[in-house]
């Protein structure tokens, strides 16, 4: 997406980047938590360096 969270998370988990992006989109449309989770993970990414 925009902030590089999907690529960072795929490296950490060993999953495909496309799968993680699809999961975020599904989370936004179905559960309403994808966007909030994305920004929380972005904060974790920024402070874990």
Protein backbone atom coordinates (compact mmCIF):
# COMPACT_ATOMS: atom_id res chain seq x y z
CA UNK A 1 0.00 0.00 0.00
CA UNK A 2 1.36 3.43 0.83
CA UNK A 3 3.64 3.16 3.85
CA UNK A 4 5.42 -0.13 3.11
CA UNK A 5 3.79 -2.09 5.91
CA UNK A 6 2.75 -5.00 3.68
CA UNK A 7 6.26 -5.53 2.38
CA UNK A 8 7.77 -5.21 5.87
CA UNK A 9 5.22 -7.65 7.32
CA UNK A 10 5.76 -10.14 4.51
CA UNK A 11 9.47 -10.17 5.29
CA UNK A 12 8.77 -10.77 8.98
CA UNK A 13 6.21 -13.53 8.43
CA UNK A 14 7.58 -15.09 5.25
CA UNK A 15 4.25 -14.66 3.46
CA UNK A 16 3.55 -13.35 -0.02
CA UNK A 17 3.11 -9.56 -0.15
CA UNK A 18 -0.01 -9.88 -2.30
CA UNK A 19 -1.68 -12.11 0.28
CA UNK A 20 -1.07 -9.56 3.02
CA UNK A 21 -2.41 -6.71 0.87
CA UNK A 22 -5.55 -8.67 0.06
CA UNK A 23 -6.01 -9.43 3.77
CA UNK A 24 -5.82 -5.72 4.61
CA UNK A 25 -8.38 -4.84 1.93
CA UNK A 26 -10.73 -7.59 3.10
CA UNK A 27 -10.24 -6.41 6.67
CA UNK A 28 -11.27 -2.89 5.71
CA UNK A 29 -14.38 -3.88 3.76
CA UNK A 30 -15.67 -6.76 5.87
CA UNK A 31 -14.46 -6.22 9.42
CA UNK A 32 -13.62 -2.50 9.43
CA UNK A 33 -10.30 -3.09 11.21
CA UNK A 34 -7.83 -3.24 8.33
CA UNK A 35 -7.05 0.46 8.20
CA UNK A 36 -6.55 0.82 11.94
CA UNK A 37 -4.41 -2.29 12.04
CA UNK A 38 -2.37 -0.96 9.10
CA UNK A 39 -1.54 2.27 10.95
CA UNK A 40 -0.72 0.42 14.17
CA UNK A 41 1.67 -1.85 12.26
CA UNK A 42 3.18 1.22 10.59
CA UNK A 43 3.94 2.66 14.03
CA UNK A 44 5.49 -0.64 15.11
CA UNK A 45 7.56 -0.67 11.93
CA UNK A 46 8.79 2.89 12.46
CA UNK A 47 9.87 2.30 16.07
CA UNK A 48 11.34 -1.19 15.65
CA UNK A 49 14.39 -0.07 13.66
